[in-house]
PDB file of N, CA and C in Angstrom:
ATOM      1  N   MET A   1     -15.316 -16.034 -25.870  1.00  0.00           N
ATOM      2  CA  MET A   1     -14.368 -16.034 -24.858  1.00  0.00           C
ATOM      3  C   MET A   1     -15.124 -15.858 -23.434  1.00  0.00           C
ATOM      4  N   ASN A   2     -14.647 -16.469 -22.378  1.00  0.00           N
ATOM      5  CA  ASN A   2     -15.258 -16.393 -21.160  1.00  0.00           C
ATOM      6  C   ASN A   2     -15.010 -14.941 -20.665  1.00  0.00           C
ATOM      7  N   LYS A   3     -15.993 -14.369 -20.041  1.00  0.00           N
ATOM      8  CA  LYS A   3     -15.776 -12.924 -19.538  1.00  0.00           C
ATOM      9  C   LYS A   3     -14.661 -12.894 -18.433  1.00  0.00           C
ATOM     10  N   THR A   4     -14.599 -13.727 -17.554  1.00  0.00           N
ATOM     11  CA  THR A   4     -13.564 -13.770 -16.587  1.00  0.00           C
ATOM     12  C   THR A   4     -12.162 -13.884 -17.171  1.00  0.00           C
ATOM     13  N   ILE A   5     -11.991 -14.732 -18.206  1.00  0.00           N
ATOM     14  CA  ILE A   5     -10.742 -14.861 -18.767  1.00  0.00           C
ATOM     15  C   ILE A   5     -10.378 -13.591 -19.492  1.00  0.00           C
ATOM     16  N   PHE A   6     -11.324 -12.957 -20.180  1.00  0.00           N
ATOM     17  CA  PHE A   6     -11.075 -11.769 -20.887  1.00  0.00           C
ATOM     18  C   PHE A   6     -10.682 -10.593 -19.959  1.00  0.00           C
ATOM     19  N   ASP A   7     -11.366 -10.554 -18.810  1.00  0.00           N
ATOM     20  CA  ASP A   7     -11.045  -9.516 -17.818  1.00  0.00           C
ATOM     21  C   ASP A   7      -9.608  -9.785 -17.288  1.00  0.00           C
ATOM     22  N   ILE A   8      -9.238 -10.959 -16.980  1.00  0.00           N
ATOM     23  CA  ILE A   8      -7.955 -11.148 -16.423  1.00  0.00           C
ATOM     24  C   ILE A   8      -6.833 -10.846 -17.426  1.00  0.00           C
ATOM     25  N   VAL A   9      -7.014 -11.296 -18.698  1.00  0.00           N
ATOM     26  CA  VAL A   9      -6.086 -11.046 -19.806  1.00  0.00           C
ATOM     27  C   VAL A   9      -5.925  -9.537 -20.010  1.00  0.00           C
ATOM     28  N   PHE A  10      -6.976  -8.786 -19.987  1.00  0.00           N
ATOM     29  CA  PHE A  10      -6.928  -7.383 -20.246  1.00  0.00           C
ATOM     30  C   PHE A  10      -6.237  -6.642 -19.103  1.00  0.00           C
ATOM     31  N   ILE A  11      -6.512  -7.032 -17.881  1.00  0.00           N
ATOM     32  CA  ILE A  11      -5.969  -6.464 -16.719  1.00  0.00           C
ATOM     33  C   ILE A  11      -4.393  -6.665 -16.774  1.00  0.00           C
ATOM     34  N   ILE A  12      -3.850  -7.890 -17.070  1.00  0.00           N
ATOM     35  CA  ILE A  12      -2.562  -8.160 -17.055  1.00  0.00           C
ATOM     36  C   ILE A  12      -1.924  -7.400 -18.326  1.00  0.00           C
ATOM     37  N   LEU A  13      -2.527  -7.252 -19.462  1.00  0.00           N
ATOM     38  CA  LEU A  13      -1.922  -6.490 -20.555  1.00  0.00           C
ATOM     39  C   LEU A  13      -1.890  -5.046 -20.189  1.00  0.00           C
ATOM     40  N   ALA A  14      -2.940  -4.443 -19.715  1.00  0.00           N
ATOM     41  CA  ALA A  14      -2.957  -3.110 -19.382  1.00  0.00           C
ATOM     42  C   ALA A  14      -1.962  -2.722 -18.381  1.00  0.00           C
ATOM     43  N   ALA A  15      -1.856  -3.508 -17.356  1.00  0.00           N
ATOM     44  CA  ALA A  15      -0.910  -3.197 -16.264  1.00  0.00           C
ATOM     45  C   ALA A  15       0.478  -3.307 -16.804  1.00  0.00           C
ATOM     46  N   GLY A  16       0.856  -4.400 -17.625  1.00  0.00           N
ATOM     47  CA  GLY A  16       2.104  -4.408 -18.226  1.00  0.00           C
ATOM     48  C   GLY A  16       2.466  -3.208 -19.110  1.00  0.00           C
ATOM     49  N   PHE A  17       1.575  -2.720 -19.999  1.00  0.00           N
ATOM     50  CA  PHE A  17       1.569  -1.635 -20.681  1.00  0.00           C
ATOM     51  C   PHE A  17       1.966  -0.430 -19.958  1.00  0.00           C
ATOM     52  N   LEU A  18       1.145  -0.208 -18.872  1.00  0.00           N
ATOM     53  CA  LEU A  18       1.355   0.999 -17.994  1.00  0.00           C
ATOM     54  C   LEU A  18       2.657   0.988 -17.267  1.00  0.00           C
ATOM     55  N   ILE A  19       3.080  -0.233 -16.924  1.00  0.00           N
ATOM     56  CA  ILE A  19       4.364  -0.272 -16.118  1.00  0.00           C
ATOM     57  C   ILE A  19       5.609   0.047 -17.178  1.00  0.00           C
ATOM     58  N   LEU A  20       5.435  -0.585 -18.388  1.00  0.00           N
ATOM     59  CA  LEU A  20       6.526  -0.274 -19.329  1.00  0.00           C
ATOM     60  C   LEU A  20       6.471   1.170 -19.746  1.00  0.00           C
ATOM     61  N   TRP A  21       5.336   1.756 -19.864  1.00  0.00           N
ATOM     62  CA  TRP A  21       5.210   3.133 -20.188  1.00  0.00           C
ATOM     63  C   TRP A  21       5.764   4.103 -19.151  1.00  0.00           C
ATOM     64  N   ALA A  22       5.531   3.736 -17.868  1.00  0.00           N
ATOM     65  CA  ALA A  22       6.055   4.429 -16.753  1.00  0.00           C
ATOM     66  C   ALA A  22       7.559   4.407 -16.685  1.00  0.00           C
ATOM     67  N   GLU A  23       8.040   3.284 -17.015  1.00  0.00           N
ATOM     68  CA  GLU A  23       9.491   3.191 -16.966  1.00  0.00           C
ATOM     69  C   GLU A  23      10.334   3.830 -18.073  1.00  0.00           C
ATOM     70  N   TYR A  24       9.803   3.630 -19.239  1.00  0.00           N
ATOM     71  CA  TYR A  24      10.556   4.044 -20.422  1.00  0.00           C
ATOM     72  C   TYR A  24      10.066   5.244 -21.122  1.00  0.00           C
ATOM     73  N   GLY A  25       8.775   5.619 -20.931  1.00  0.00           N
ATOM     74  CA  GLY A  25       8.117   6.668 -21.594  1.00  0.00           C
ATOM     75  C   GLY A  25       7.848   7.879 -20.877  1.00  0.00           C
ATOM     76  N   GLU A  26       7.080   8.882 -21.351  1.00  0.00           N
ATOM     77  CA  GLU A  26       6.774  10.080 -20.768  1.00  0.00           C
ATOM     78  C   GLU A  26       5.374   9.984 -19.953  1.00  0.00           C
ATOM     79  N   ALA A  27       5.308   9.106 -18.934  1.00  0.00           N
ATOM     80  CA  ALA A  27       4.062   8.865 -18.335  1.00  0.00           C
ATOM     81  C   ALA A  27       3.522  10.026 -17.681  1.00  0.00           C
ATOM     82  N   GLU A  28       4.337  10.736 -17.073  1.00  0.00           N
ATOM     83  CA  GLU A  28       4.036  12.003 -16.270  1.00  0.00           C
ATOM     84  C   GLU A  28       3.238  13.007 -17.137  1.00  0.00           C
ATOM     85  N   THR A  29       3.679  13.215 -18.387  1.00  0.00           N
ATOM     86  CA  THR A  29       3.116  14.194 -19.237  1.00  0.00           C
ATOM     87  C   THR A  29       1.792  13.582 -19.856  1.00  0.00           C
ATOM     88  N   TYR A  30       1.702  12.362 -20.143  1.00  0.00           N
ATOM     89  CA  TYR A  30       0.533  11.851 -20.885  1.00  0.00           C
ATOM     90  C   TYR A  30      -0.311  10.794 -20.062  1.00  0.00           C
ATOM     91  N   LEU A  31      -0.258  10.934 -18.724  1.00  0.00           N
ATOM     92  CA  LEU A  31      -0.945   9.963 -17.932  1.00  0.00           C
ATOM     93  C   LEU A  31      -2.386   9.918 -18.141  1.00  0.00           C
ATOM     94  N   VAL A  32      -3.032  11.097 -18.522  1.00  0.00           N
ATOM     95  CA  VAL A  32      -4.433  11.163 -18.719  1.00  0.00           C
ATOM     96  C   VAL A  32      -4.856  10.139 -19.927  1.00  0.00           C
ATOM     97  N   PHE A  33      -3.950   9.919 -20.814  1.00  0.00           N
ATOM     98  CA  PHE A  33      -4.289   8.998 -21.949  1.00  0.00           C
ATOM     99  C   PHE A  33      -4.333   7.629 -21.610  1.00  0.00           C
ATOM    100  N   SER A  34      -3.803   7.245 -20.408  1.00  0.00           N
ATOM    101  CA  SER A  34      -3.906   5.865 -19.965  1.00  0.00           C
ATOM    102  C   SER A  34      -5.219   5.373 -19.752  1.00  0.00           C
ATOM    103  N   PHE A  35      -6.282   6.193 -19.568  1.00  0.00           N
ATOM    104  CA  PHE A  35      -7.522   5.776 -19.334  1.00  0.00           C
ATOM    105  C   PHE A  35      -8.307   5.446 -20.621  1.00  0.00           C
ATOM    106  N   ILE A  36      -7.776   5.807 -21.740  1.00  0.00           N
ATOM    107  CA  ILE A  36      -8.444   5.538 -23.039  1.00  0.00           C
ATOM    108  C   ILE A  36      -8.682   4.067 -23.309  1.00  0.00           C
ATOM    109  N   PRO A  37      -7.498   3.189 -23.090  1.00  0.00           N
ATOM    110  CA  PRO A  37      -7.823   1.766 -23.188  1.00  0.00           C
ATOM    111  C   PRO A  37      -8.910   1.179 -22.260  1.00  0.00           C
ATOM    112  N   LEU A  38      -8.823   1.751 -21.094  1.00  0.00           N
ATOM    113  CA  LEU A  38      -9.804   1.202 -20.060  1.00  0.00           C
ATOM    114  C   LEU A  38     -11.174   1.514 -20.472  1.00  0.00           C
ATOM    115  N   LEU A  39     -11.473   2.719 -20.984  1.00  0.00           N
ATOM    116  CA  LEU A  39     -12.805   3.116 -21.421  1.00  0.00           C
ATOM    117  C   LEU A  39     -13.198   2.323 -22.718  1.00  0.00           C
ATOM    118  N   VAL A  40     -12.283   2.089 -23.625  1.00  0.00           N
ATOM    119  CA  VAL A  40     -12.576   1.342 -24.780  1.00  0.00           C
ATOM    120  C   VAL A  40     -13.006  -0.017 -24.294  1.00  0.00           C
ATOM    121  N   ALA A  41     -12.324  -0.750 -23.450  1.00  0.00           N
ATOM    122  CA  ALA A  41     -12.565  -1.987 -22.954  1.00  0.00           C
ATOM    123  C   ALA A  41     -13.946  -2.126 -22.313  1.00  0.00           C
ATOM    124  N   TYR A  42     -14.265  -1.164 -21.504  1.00  0.00           N
ATOM    125  CA  TYR A  42     -15.491  -0.864 -20.898  1.00  0.00           C
ATOM    126  C   TYR A  42     -16.718  -0.786 -21.879  1.00  0.00           C
ATOM    127  N   GLN A  43     -16.548  -0.033 -22.909  1.00  0.00           N
ATOM    128  CA  GLN A  43     -17.607   0.178 -23.872  1.00  0.00           C
ATOM    129  C   GLN A  43     -17.733  -1.173 -24.785  1.00  0.00           C
ATOM    130  N   LEU A  44     -16.704  -1.788 -25.110  1.00  0.00           N
ATOM    131  CA  LEU A  44     -16.739  -3.067 -25.833  1.00  0.00           C
ATOM    132  C   LEU A  44     -17.421  -4.180 -24.929  1.00  0.00           C
ATOM    133  N   GLY A  45     -17.152  -4.095 -23.649  1.00  0.00           N
ATOM    134  CA  GLY A  45     -17.847  -5.152 -22.875  1.00  0.00           C
ATOM    135  C   GLY A  45     -19.204  -4.887 -22.718  1.00  0.00           C
ATOM    136  N   LYS A  46     -19.683  -3.599 -22.654  1.00  0.00           N
ATOM    137  CA  LYS A  46     -21.170  -3.315 -22.608  1.00  0.00           C
ATOM    138  C   LYS A  46     -21.766  -3.685 -23.948  1.00  0.00           C
ATOM    139  N   TYR A  47     -21.098  -3.409 -24.938  1.00  0.00           N
ATOM    140  CA  TYR A  47     -21.667  -3.740 -26.339  1.00  0.00           C
ATOM    141  C   TYR A  47     -21.861  -5.242 -26.479  1.00  0.00           C
ATOM    142  N   SER A  48     -20.753  -6.039 -26.132  1.00  0.00           N
ATOM    143  CA  SER A  48     -20.833  -7.472 -26.393  1.00  0.00           C
ATOM    144  C   SER A  48     -21.951  -8.032 -25.401  1.00  0.00           C
ATOM    145  N   GLU A  49     -22.009  -7.630 -24.170  1.00  0.00           N
ATOM    146  CA  GLU A  49     -22.913  -8.115 -23.138  1.00  0.00           C
ATOM    147  C   GLU A  49     -24.406  -7.909 -23.704  1.00  0.00           C
ATOM    148  N   LYS A  50     -24.613  -6.703 -24.308  1.00  0.00           N
ATOM    149  CA  LYS A  50     -26.018  -6.312 -24.779  1.00  0.00           C
ATOM    150  C   LYS A  50     -26.242  -7.178 -26.056  1.00  0.00           C
ATOM    151  N   ARG A  51     -25.214  -7.442 -26.972  1.00  0.00           N
ATOM    152  CA  ARG A  51     -25.448  -8.080 -28.072  1.00  0.00           C
ATOM    153  C   ARG A  51     -25.700  -9.609 -27.764  1.00  0.00           C
ATOM    154  N   SER A  52     -24.967 -10.090 -26.865  1.00  0.00           N
ATOM    155  CA  SER A  52     -25.151 -11.621 -26.518  1.00  0.00           C
ATOM    156  C   SER A  52     -26.563 -11.845 -25.900  1.00  0.00           C
ATOM    157  N   LYS A  53     -27.158 -10.807 -25.223  1.00  0.00           N
ATOM    158  CA  LYS A  53     -28.352 -11.046 -24.609  1.00  0.00           C
ATOM    159  C   LYS A  53     -29.507 -11.100 -25.637  1.00  0.00           C
ATOM    160  N   ASN A  54     -29.300 -10.403 -26.755  1.00  0.00           N
ATOM    161  CA  ASN A  54     -30.283 -10.388 -27.748  1.00  0.00           C
ATOM    162  C   ASN A  54     -30.288 -11.694 -28.663  1.00  0.00           C
ATOM    163  N   ARG A  55     -29.237 -12.357 -28.648  1.00  0.00           N
ATOM    164  CA  ARG A  55     -29.171 -13.558 -29.512  1.00  0.00           C
ATOM    165  C   ARG A  55     -29.932 -14.699 -28.895  1.00  0.00           C
ATOM    166  N   PRO A  56     -30.658 -15.453 -29.742  1.00  0.00           N
ATOM    167  CA  PRO A  56     -31.343 -16.605 -29.215  1.00  0.00           C
ATOM    168  C   PRO A  56     -30.453 -17.755 -28.845  1.00  0.00           C
ATOM    169  N   SER A  57     -30.687 -18.568 -27.910  1.00  0.00           N
ATOM    170  CA  SER A  57     -29.761 -19.534 -27.426  1.00  0.00           C
ATOM    171  C   SER A  57     -30.228 -20.845 -28.053  1.00  0.00           C
TER     172      SER A  57
END
């Protein structure tokens, strides 16, 4: 998957989730946990970029 497309899709999904969570959930109490999906996506991006560089073209 193209990196730009993945970034855009992830941003849209994460923003939608956080908006819904703020409207219907306990966002004030558990706001610190909203960074977990962002950190997971960052780590997966680093891993996939490193792995794709090591593959022969």
